[in-house]
Structures are given as structure tokens and as C-alpha cells.
Amino acid sequence: MMRWLFSALMAFGVAAARAQDLNHPLKIGGDVKKPVLIYSIEPDTSHLPKSEKHSPANATVTFVVDVDGLPKQIELSRSTSPAMGAAYLKAVQQYRFRPATLDGKPVAVKLALELILDYF
């Protein structure tokens, strides 16, 4: 019984630490190593009006990469097209990262990502 209680307290401590990381993400630089993108998808443009489908569009998306490498608190900071901005947000939700690290341990960091869609 005592062993279970100790394990439960340890698990709670880890969960509390991870939640705190999202509220206070670190800045990349110095000893904080940047996250590495390991999976991304193209934004879905199938629902866009024909006039926007083949027009260049860019946006800035800000988000926190958590200790598990998942994007959280995703926000559209700027977009040249509202419809394309929504598509970028959906795409970024599916991105996966190798998390940022500090002294070899995963940490949460905030990123601003400039996304550009251009047709050649």
C-alpha cells in the first residue's frame, strides 16, 4: 500500500511539473537546445475557394512545444488569408517534435513559425 501511494505522489509531481512548463516555456538559446521537427503535414487547401487555392499565402503561428514534443497553445499571429490561416492551424496541430532540452532533459519552449505557401 505504501509503495502505491509513493508512486501516485511521484506521478502527480510529474504532471504538475509538465503543466507548469506550458505556462512558463523557456527561451531557446544558451543551454536550451531547440526542438527538432520530426513530422509535419501540408495544410489542406481542398476547402478553399478557387480564387485562394493557387494564391501565395503566408502566416505566423506561435505555439509551445511541450515536453512530449506536442504543439500546445497554438495561435495564429498573422495571416494573409483567414481561410489559409485556419488550414495552417490545423496542420500545425498535427506536427510532432523531438522536444527541446536543457541539460539533456525535455523542456517546453515557445516557437514562432513563419509558414509560406507558394505555387511554382
Protein backbone atom coordinates (compact mmCIF):
# COMPACT_ATOMS: atom_id res chain seq x y z
CA MET A 1 0.00 0.00 0.00
CA MET A 2 2.80 2.43 0.84
CA ARG A 3 4.54 1.79 -2.48
CA TRP A 4 1.37 2.68 -4.44
CA LEU A 5 0.94 5.96 -2.54
CA PHE A 6 4.54 6.94 -3.22
CA SER A 7 4.12 6.14 -6.94
CA ALA A 8 0.90 8.15 -7.08
CA LEU A 9 2.61 11.15 -5.46
CA MET A 10 5.51 10.91 -7.91
CA ALA A 11 3.14 10.76 -10.88
CA PHE A 12 1.27 13.81 -9.57
CA GLY A 13 4.55 15.70 -9.23
CA VAL A 14 5.49 14.94 -12.84
CA ALA A 15 2.06 16.02 -14.10
CA ALA A 16 2.26 19.25 -12.11
CA ALA A 17 5.74 19.98 -13.46
CA ARG A 18 4.59 19.41 -17.06
CA ALA A 19 1.62 21.73 -16.60
CA GLN A 20 3.93 24.43 -15.23
CA ASP A 21 6.20 24.08 -18.27
CA LEU A 22 3.35 25.11 -20.59
CA ASN A 23 2.66 28.23 -18.55
CA HIS A 24 6.35 29.19 -18.42
CA PRO A 25 8.07 27.90 -21.54
CA LEU A 26 11.81 28.51 -21.77
CA LYS A 27 13.56 30.52 -24.46
CA ILE A 28 15.77 28.70 -26.94
CA GLY A 29 19.44 29.57 -26.64
CA GLY A 30 22.35 29.04 -24.31
CA ASP A 31 21.92 25.64 -22.69
CA VAL A 32 18.36 25.23 -24.03
CA LYS A 33 18.57 23.21 -27.25
CA LYS A 34 15.87 23.80 -29.86
CA PRO A 35 13.19 21.21 -30.66
CA VAL A 36 13.51 19.24 -33.90
CA LEU A 37 10.56 18.82 -36.24
CA ILE A 38 10.12 15.10 -36.91
CA TYR A 39 6.66 15.06 -38.53
CA SER A 40 4.69 17.67 -40.45
CA ILE A 41 1.89 17.79 -42.99
CA GLU A 42 0.92 20.23 -45.71
CA PRO A 43 -2.13 22.38 -44.99
CA ASP A 44 -5.36 21.09 -46.52
CA THR A 45 -6.42 23.52 -49.24
CA SER A 46 -9.27 21.44 -50.68
CA HIS A 47 -11.94 23.55 -48.95
CA LEU A 48 -10.57 26.91 -50.13
CA PRO A 49 -12.35 28.99 -52.76
CA LYS A 50 -10.80 28.67 -56.22
CA SER A 51 -9.52 32.26 -56.04
CA GLU A 52 -7.39 31.41 -52.97
CA LYS A 53 -6.28 27.91 -53.95
CA HIS A 54 -3.39 29.00 -56.12
CA SER A 55 -2.51 32.30 -54.49
CA PRO A 56 0.57 32.64 -52.30
CA ALA A 57 -0.31 32.81 -48.61
CA ASN A 58 1.79 33.16 -45.50
CA ALA A 59 1.12 33.19 -41.80
CA THR A 60 2.90 33.30 -38.48
CA VAL A 61 1.82 30.67 -35.99
CA THR A 62 3.00 30.76 -32.37
CA PHE A 63 2.83 27.77 -30.06
CA VAL A 64 4.52 25.94 -27.20
CA VAL A 65 6.29 22.66 -27.90
CA ASP A 66 5.70 20.68 -24.69
CA VAL A 67 8.00 18.13 -23.05
CA ASP A 68 6.41 15.37 -25.15
CA GLY A 69 7.11 17.22 -28.42
CA LEU A 70 3.47 18.17 -28.99
CA PRO A 71 2.36 21.65 -30.07
CA LYS A 72 0.11 23.34 -27.48
CA GLN A 73 -1.43 26.81 -27.09
CA ILE A 74 -1.43 27.24 -30.87
CA GLU A 75 -2.31 30.75 -32.07
CA LEU A 76 -2.42 32.45 -35.43
CA SER A 77 -0.40 35.67 -35.03
CA ARG A 78 -0.70 36.89 -38.62
CA SER A 79 -2.11 35.62 -41.89
CA THR A 80 -2.55 36.98 -45.39
CA SER A 81 -5.67 34.82 -45.79
CA PRO A 82 -8.11 33.91 -43.00
CA ALA A 83 -9.07 30.65 -44.72
CA MET A 84 -5.43 29.68 -45.24
CA GLY A 85 -4.66 30.70 -41.64
CA ALA A 86 -7.23 28.18 -40.41
CA ALA A 87 -5.65 25.49 -42.62
CA TYR A 88 -2.21 26.30 -41.19
CA LEU A 89 -3.55 25.98 -37.63
CA LYS A 90 -5.00 22.53 -38.38
CA ALA A 91 -1.72 21.42 -39.93
CA VAL A 92 0.43 22.64 -37.01
CA GLN A 93 -1.81 20.74 -34.55
CA GLN A 94 -0.52 17.55 -36.17
CA TYR A 95 3.19 18.47 -36.11
CA ARG A 96 5.46 16.38 -33.90
CA PHE A 97 8.84 17.38 -32.47
CA ARG A 98 11.74 15.90 -30.63
CA PRO A 99 11.38 18.19 -27.58
CA ALA A 100 13.75 20.98 -26.66
CA THR A 101 16.21 20.02 -23.92
CA LEU A 102 18.04 21.60 -21.03
CA ASP A 103 20.87 19.53 -19.58
CA GLY A 104 19.57 16.56 -21.59
CA LYS A 105 16.05 16.76 -20.10
CA PRO A 106 12.98 17.72 -22.17
CA VAL A 107 11.59 21.21 -21.57
CA ALA A 108 8.76 23.27 -23.05
CA VAL A 109 9.67 26.16 -25.36
CA LYS A 110 7.68 28.76 -27.29
CA LEU A 111 8.09 28.97 -31.06
CA ALA A 112 7.00 31.42 -33.72
CA LEU A 113 6.83 29.68 -37.09
CA GLU A 114 6.58 31.52 -40.41
CA LEU A 115 4.63 29.35 -42.86
CA ILE A 116 4.67 30.19 -46.55
CA LEU A 117 2.60 28.52 -49.25
CA ASP A 118 3.65 29.41 -52.76
CA TYR A 119 2.88 27.78 -56.07
CA PHE A 120 5.56 27.31 -58.72
